[in-house]
Amino acid sequence: MEKMKYYKEVGGVHMFTFLSEESFLSGMNYKAKPGDLFLASYPKCGTTWMHQIVKLIFAKGQISEDPLDLIFSFPFVEVLGAEYLETAKPKGMRTHLPFFAVPYSPDSKYIYVTRNPRDCCVSYYHFMKLLPFPGELNFQEFLEVFLEGNLGYGDYFDHLLEWYKHKNDDNVHFVTYEDLKKDIKGEILKIAKFLGEEYEKCILNDATILENIIRYSSFDYMKESSKKNLDVFFKKDKKWLEDKNLPPGAMKSIQNFNQSGRDTEGGTYVRKGIIGDWKNHFNEEQIRLLNEKIVERTKDSDVMNLWKDIF
């Protein structure tokens, strides 16, 4: 039986098949400008969490009541495309594009968040259940696809290693999901400083702002709010979609995802938010297979030192 294909190659990048090729290429061809901010990651490594943190830093700890902020406040570059970005002029943009394909300028800023491969694999597995693909994968089947890199945005290690080479660039802030979990206060201050001295000073001068950022970017708050956001996104009345006046390609991507009919019961978009959930999924043989992949792909890099206390 032929294996299900979860991507098609567009511009050298593995794109989810339900996305619009038009918008994907448009996003890749967006011209990064001085002052642009990109939040980058491989899927399920902390993109949504970083989005919430940065959004709160910009807003001085004030939370938005717009349920569609999850999608539109920091739009995905390759989902909504350059035309939308040029019109909306957002404060920041999200992307899962690998470094070679991301809109790049030395005068733009990039925050890259990564996560240990075991937990990333498990989180990606559960995320696939939200995506508009027919049928269901069991974890063993998904692990095989993950190890082969036959997913949207390709191979985890290709993505990580390419961005890791730029971890010390002046315009790149490189952070792990695990560091955010261990010291959220310290990491928020580092992110604020990277965004601009005025944001760091604002937080240091008002303890309430930092308290609010921590509170509203907490797992419990984000799980509840993301469930409400997805309820709005998937509701039958699609008037909100018409009101956005999206370019055709962007409209196609969102409609394809929106019409998937996936059950969002339990807020699975923000699922557990822990370190070590891999222990509930991997058996010894599966750990061996992933460990072999890790050794093979990182033999010429010290990248796994990011998680030396985990492995």
Protein backbone atom coordinates (compact mmCIF):
# COMPACT_ATOMS: atom_id res chain seq x y z
CA MET A 1 0.00 0.00 0.00
CA GLU A 2 1.39 3.39 -1.02
CA LYS A 3 2.30 5.66 1.87
CA MET A 4 0.30 8.82 2.46
CA LYS A 5 2.24 11.92 1.38
CA TYR A 6 2.01 14.83 3.78
CA TYR A 7 3.90 17.43 1.78
CA LYS A 8 4.79 18.68 -1.64
CA GLU A 9 8.06 20.40 -2.46
CA VAL A 10 7.73 24.10 -3.22
CA GLY A 11 10.77 26.31 -3.68
CA GLY A 12 12.96 23.62 -2.14
CA VAL A 13 10.83 23.43 1.02
CA HIS A 14 8.41 20.71 2.12
CA MET A 15 5.02 22.42 2.19
CA PHE A 16 1.90 20.91 3.75
CA THR A 17 -0.30 19.76 0.88
CA PHE A 18 -3.34 21.70 2.10
CA LEU A 19 -1.55 25.06 1.94
CA SER A 20 -1.68 27.34 -1.08
CA GLU A 21 1.42 27.13 -3.25
CA GLU A 22 0.72 30.69 -4.37
CA SER A 23 0.86 32.10 -0.84
CA PHE A 24 3.76 29.85 0.15
CA LEU A 25 5.97 31.11 -2.65
CA SER A 26 4.75 34.66 -2.11
CA GLY A 27 5.75 34.48 1.54
CA MET A 28 9.17 33.10 0.70
CA ASN A 29 9.65 36.00 -1.72
CA TYR A 30 8.61 38.66 0.80
CA LYS A 31 11.37 41.28 1.04
CA ALA A 32 12.47 41.59 4.66
CA LYS A 33 12.83 45.20 5.76
CA PRO A 34 14.71 47.03 8.51
CA GLY A 35 12.71 46.64 11.70
CA ASP A 36 10.90 43.46 10.64
CA LEU A 37 10.69 40.78 13.31
CA PHE A 38 10.40 37.07 12.51
CA LEU A 39 9.59 34.35 15.03
CA ALA A 40 11.01 31.17 13.52
CA SER A 41 10.96 27.51 14.49
CA TYR A 42 10.49 23.99 13.28
CA PRO A 43 6.83 22.99 13.89
CA LYS A 44 5.85 22.24 17.48
CA CYS A 45 8.96 23.69 19.09
CA GLY A 46 7.30 26.65 20.84
CA THR A 47 6.17 29.02 18.10
CA THR A 48 2.80 29.80 19.68
CA TRP A 49 4.32 30.30 23.12
CA MET A 50 6.97 32.67 21.76
CA HIS A 51 4.28 34.52 19.82
CA GLN A 52 2.33 35.08 23.04
CA ILE A 53 5.42 36.25 24.96
CA VAL A 54 6.54 38.73 22.31
CA LYS A 55 3.01 40.01 21.76
CA LEU A 56 2.72 40.69 25.51
CA ILE A 57 6.11 42.42 25.63
CA PHE A 58 4.99 44.78 22.88
CA ALA A 59 1.66 45.35 24.63
CA LYS A 60 3.25 45.97 28.05
CA GLY A 61 1.54 42.95 29.51
CA GLN A 62 -1.95 43.78 28.26
CA ILE A 63 -3.88 40.89 26.75
CA SER A 64 -5.92 41.15 23.55
CA GLU A 65 -9.57 40.07 23.62
CA ASP A 66 -9.60 39.33 19.87
CA PRO A 67 -9.96 35.54 19.50
CA LEU A 68 -8.37 35.68 16.04
CA ASP A 69 -5.14 37.17 17.37
CA LEU A 70 -3.81 33.62 17.45
CA ILE A 71 -3.75 33.71 13.65
CA PHE A 72 -3.53 37.32 12.55
CA SER A 73 -1.58 39.35 15.12
CA PHE A 74 1.70 37.71 14.03
CA PRO A 75 0.72 36.16 10.70
CA PHE A 76 2.50 33.16 9.23
CA VAL A 77 4.66 34.39 6.36
CA GLU A 78 4.16 31.38 4.11
CA VAL A 79 0.45 30.92 4.87
CA LEU A 80 -0.81 34.45 4.27
CA GLY A 81 1.82 35.60 1.75
CA ALA A 82 3.63 38.83 0.95
CA GLU A 83 0.59 40.76 -0.27
CA TYR A 84 -1.14 40.37 3.09
CA LEU A 85 2.04 41.21 5.03
CA GLU A 86 2.65 44.36 3.02
CA THR A 87 -0.93 45.50 3.65
CA ALA A 88 -1.28 44.50 7.30
CA LYS A 89 2.21 45.67 8.38
CA PRO A 90 2.21 43.50 11.52
CA LYS A 91 4.62 44.07 14.42
CA GLY A 92 5.99 40.60 13.88
CA MET A 93 5.66 37.54 11.68
CA ARG A 94 5.86 33.82 12.33
CA THR A 95 7.43 31.22 10.08
CA HIS A 96 8.51 27.59 9.98
CA LEU A 97 10.72 28.18 6.95
CA PRO A 98 14.29 26.86 7.09
CA PHE A 99 17.00 29.51 7.20
CA PHE A 100 17.84 29.29 3.50
CA ALA A 101 14.23 30.07 2.56
CA VAL A 102 13.28 32.67 5.16
CA PRO A 103 12.96 36.31 4.03
CA TYR A 104 16.28 37.67 5.28
CA SER A 105 17.80 41.06 5.94
CA PRO A 106 20.70 41.90 8.28
CA ASP A 107 18.52 44.78 9.47
CA SER A 108 15.62 42.50 10.46
CA LYS A 109 15.45 40.52 13.70
CA TYR A 110 14.90 36.79 14.11
CA ILE A 111 13.95 34.83 17.22
CA TYR A 112 14.50 31.13 16.74
CA VAL A 113 13.02 28.72 19.28
CA THR A 114 13.85 25.03 19.28
CA ARG A 115 12.96 21.99 21.35
CA ASN A 116 14.56 18.62 22.07
CA PRO A 117 13.81 16.16 19.26
CA ARG A 118 11.96 13.61 21.39
CA ASP A 119 9.37 16.06 22.71
CA CYS A 120 9.15 17.81 19.34
CA CYS A 121 8.35 14.48 17.70
CA VAL A 122 5.58 13.71 20.20
CA SER A 123 4.06 17.18 19.95
CA TYR A 124 4.17 17.08 16.14
CA TYR A 125 2.44 13.68 16.22
CA HIS A 126 -0.49 15.10 18.18
CA PHE A 127 -0.56 18.25 16.03
CA MET A 128 -1.01 16.12 12.91
CA LYS A 129 -4.40 15.11 14.31
CA LEU A 130 -5.55 18.71 13.86
CA LEU A 131 -4.41 18.90 10.24
CA PRO A 132 -6.67 18.13 7.28
CA PHE A 133 -5.18 14.79 6.26
CA PRO A 134 -7.32 11.67 5.76
CA GLY A 135 -7.03 8.87 8.29
CA GLU A 136 -4.91 8.64 11.42
CA LEU A 137 -1.28 7.80 12.04
CA ASN A 138 -0.25 5.73 15.01
CA PHE A 139 2.90 6.84 16.81
CA GLN A 140 5.15 4.20 15.22
CA GLU A 141 4.04 5.25 11.75
CA PHE A 142 4.56 8.89 12.58
CA LEU A 143 8.03 8.27 14.02
CA GLU A 144 9.07 6.65 10.74
CA VAL A 145 7.82 9.69 8.81
CA PHE A 146 9.56 12.03 11.28
CA LEU A 147 12.89 10.20 10.98
CA GLU A 148 12.64 10.30 7.18
CA GLY A 149 11.83 14.03 7.21
CA ASN A 150 8.73 13.40 5.09
CA LEU A 151 6.61 16.06 6.77
CA GLY A 152 5.71 19.68 6.34
CA TYR A 153 8.97 21.68 6.65
CA GLY A 154 11.08 18.60 6.18
CA ASP A 155 13.74 17.14 8.41
CA TYR A 156 13.95 18.37 12.02
CA PHE A 157 17.76 18.19 12.03
CA ASP A 158 18.20 20.01 8.72
CA HIS A 159 16.08 22.83 10.11
CA LEU A 160 17.78 23.00 13.50
CA LEU A 161 21.38 22.70 12.29
CA GLU A 162 21.01 25.41 9.67
CA TRP A 163 19.57 27.92 12.17
CA TYR A 164 22.07 26.82 14.84
CA LYS A 165 24.92 28.08 12.66
CA HIS A 166 23.45 31.57 13.09
CA LYS A 167 22.81 31.40 16.84
CA ASN A 168 25.44 34.05 17.57
CA ASP A 169 24.46 36.47 14.80
CA ASP A 170 23.69 39.95 16.12
CA ASN A 171 20.18 39.88 14.64
CA VAL A 172 19.29 36.37 15.85
CA HIS A 173 18.08 35.43 19.33
CA PHE A 174 18.34 31.66 19.77
CA VAL A 175 16.42 30.05 22.64
CA THR A 176 15.20 26.60 23.62
CA TYR A 177 11.74 25.60 24.80
CA GLU A 178 13.42 24.01 27.80
CA ASP A 179 15.16 27.27 28.81
CA LEU A 180 11.79 29.02 28.69
CA LYS A 181 10.35 26.37 31.00
CA LYS A 182 13.26 26.55 33.45
CA ASP A 183 13.56 30.34 33.77
CA ILE A 184 10.67 32.16 32.14
CA LYS A 185 11.41 35.44 33.94
CA GLY A 186 15.04 35.52 32.86
CA GLU A 187 14.23 34.50 29.29
CA ILE A 188 11.51 37.15 28.97
CA LEU A 189 14.03 39.81 29.99
CA LYS A 190 16.54 38.53 27.40
CA ILE A 191 13.87 38.57 24.69
CA ALA A 192 12.78 42.10 25.67
CA LYS A 193 16.39 43.31 25.51
CA PHE A 194 16.78 41.75 22.06
CA LEU A 195 13.61 43.46 20.85
CA GLY A 196 14.84 46.85 22.05
CA GLU A 197 16.24 48.54 25.11
CA GLU A 198 12.96 50.40 25.64
CA TYR A 199 11.09 47.10 26.14
CA GLU A 200 13.61 45.84 28.67
CA LYS A 201 13.49 49.12 30.61
CA CYS A 202 9.70 49.11 30.59
CA ILE A 203 9.61 45.68 32.22
CA LEU A 204 12.36 46.48 34.73
CA ASN A 205 10.60 49.68 35.78
CA ASP A 206 7.20 48.05 36.34
CA ALA A 207 7.02 44.65 38.03
CA THR A 208 3.34 44.34 37.11
CA ILE A 209 4.20 44.16 33.40
CA LEU A 210 6.49 41.17 33.94
CA GLU A 211 3.90 39.50 36.18
CA ASN A 212 1.25 39.91 33.49
CA ILE A 213 3.53 38.59 30.73
CA ILE A 214 4.26 35.50 32.82
CA ARG A 215 0.59 35.05 33.73
CA TYR A 216 -0.83 35.44 30.23
CA SER A 217 1.85 33.29 28.62
CA SER A 218 1.38 30.49 31.16
CA PHE A 219 0.29 27.06 29.96
CA ASP A 220 -3.04 27.16 31.80
CA TYR A 221 -4.01 30.53 30.36
CA MET A 222 -2.90 29.68 26.83
CA LYS A 223 -4.64 26.30 26.81
CA GLU A 224 -7.95 27.89 27.75
CA SER A 225 -7.61 30.86 25.40
CA SER A 226 -6.46 28.74 22.43
CA LYS A 227 -9.54 26.53 22.85
CA LYS A 228 -11.76 29.62 22.61
CA ASN A 229 -9.78 30.86 19.60
CA LEU A 230 -10.15 27.57 17.77
CA ASP A 231 -13.86 27.47 18.54
CA VAL A 232 -14.19 30.80 16.72
CA PHE A 233 -11.92 29.66 13.91
CA PHE A 234 -13.87 26.46 13.26
CA LYS A 235 -17.39 27.82 13.80
CA LYS A 236 -19.85 27.39 10.93
CA ASP A 237 -20.38 31.12 10.49
CA LYS A 238 -17.39 32.15 8.36
CA LYS A 239 -18.22 35.87 8.24
CA TRP A 240 -14.98 36.68 10.07
CA LEU A 241 -13.07 35.15 7.18
CA GLU A 242 -14.86 37.31 4.62
CA ASP A 243 -14.18 40.41 6.72
CA LYS A 244 -10.41 39.86 6.58
CA ASN A 245 -10.28 40.58 2.84
CA LEU A 246 -7.48 38.07 2.32
CA PRO A 247 -5.61 37.51 -0.96
CA PRO A 248 -6.90 34.46 -2.87
CA GLY A 249 -3.97 32.20 -1.95
CA ALA A 250 -4.22 33.01 1.74
CA MET A 251 -7.98 32.51 1.66
CA LYS A 252 -7.48 29.08 0.08
CA SER A 253 -5.02 27.95 2.79
CA ILE A 254 -7.24 29.03 5.66
CA GLN A 255 -10.39 27.59 4.08
CA ASN A 256 -8.68 24.24 3.51
CA PHE A 257 -7.61 24.05 7.13
CA ASN A 258 -10.90 25.47 8.38
CA GLN A 259 -12.92 22.88 6.50
CA SER A 260 -10.94 19.97 7.87
CA GLY A 261 -13.62 19.23 10.44
CA ARG A 262 -11.03 18.25 13.01
CA ASP A 263 -12.21 17.99 16.60
CA THR A 264 -10.54 20.57 18.85
CA GLU A 265 -12.09 19.17 22.02
CA GLY A 266 -9.71 19.62 24.93
CA GLY A 267 -7.67 22.40 23.38
CA THR A 268 -5.21 20.09 21.64
CA TYR A 269 -3.46 22.99 19.90
CA VAL A 270 -1.89 23.77 23.28
CA ARG A 271 -1.77 20.25 24.68
CA LYS A 272 0.54 19.60 27.67
CA GLY A 273 3.38 22.12 27.59
CA ILE A 274 5.82 19.92 29.53
CA ILE A 275 9.35 18.60 29.17
CA GLY A 276 9.58 14.82 28.96
CA ASP A 277 6.22 13.81 27.50
CA TRP A 278 8.24 11.58 25.16
CA LYS A 279 8.48 9.09 28.06
CA ASN A 280 4.75 8.44 27.64
CA HIS A 281 5.11 7.53 23.96
CA PHE A 282 8.51 6.03 23.11
CA ASN A 283 9.37 2.40 23.70
CA GLU A 284 13.00 1.25 23.93
CA GLU A 285 13.26 0.39 20.25
CA GLN A 286 11.83 3.74 19.21
CA ILE A 287 14.29 5.55 21.48
CA ARG A 288 17.11 3.56 19.88
CA LEU A 289 15.99 4.55 16.38
CA LEU A 290 15.80 8.24 17.23
CA ASN A 291 19.11 8.13 19.11
CA GLU A 292 20.77 6.62 16.04
CA LYS A 293 19.36 9.44 13.94
CA ILE A 294 20.61 12.03 16.44
CA VAL A 295 24.15 10.59 16.42
CA GLU A 296 24.20 10.37 12.63
CA ARG A 297 22.96 13.92 12.03
CA THR A 298 24.82 15.77 14.80
CA LYS A 299 28.21 14.04 14.73
CA ASP A 300 29.88 17.21 13.41
CA SER A 301 28.03 19.64 15.68
CA ASP A 302 27.75 20.43 19.39
CA VAL A 303 24.06 21.24 19.00
CA MET A 304 22.92 18.48 21.35
CA ASN A 305 24.68 20.28 24.19
CA LEU A 306 21.53 22.39 24.24
CA TRP A 307 19.90 19.41 25.99
CA LYS A 308 22.84 17.79 27.75
CA ASP A 309 20.86 17.62 31.00
CA ILE A 310 17.99 15.76 29.27
CA PHE A 311 19.86 13.17 27.19
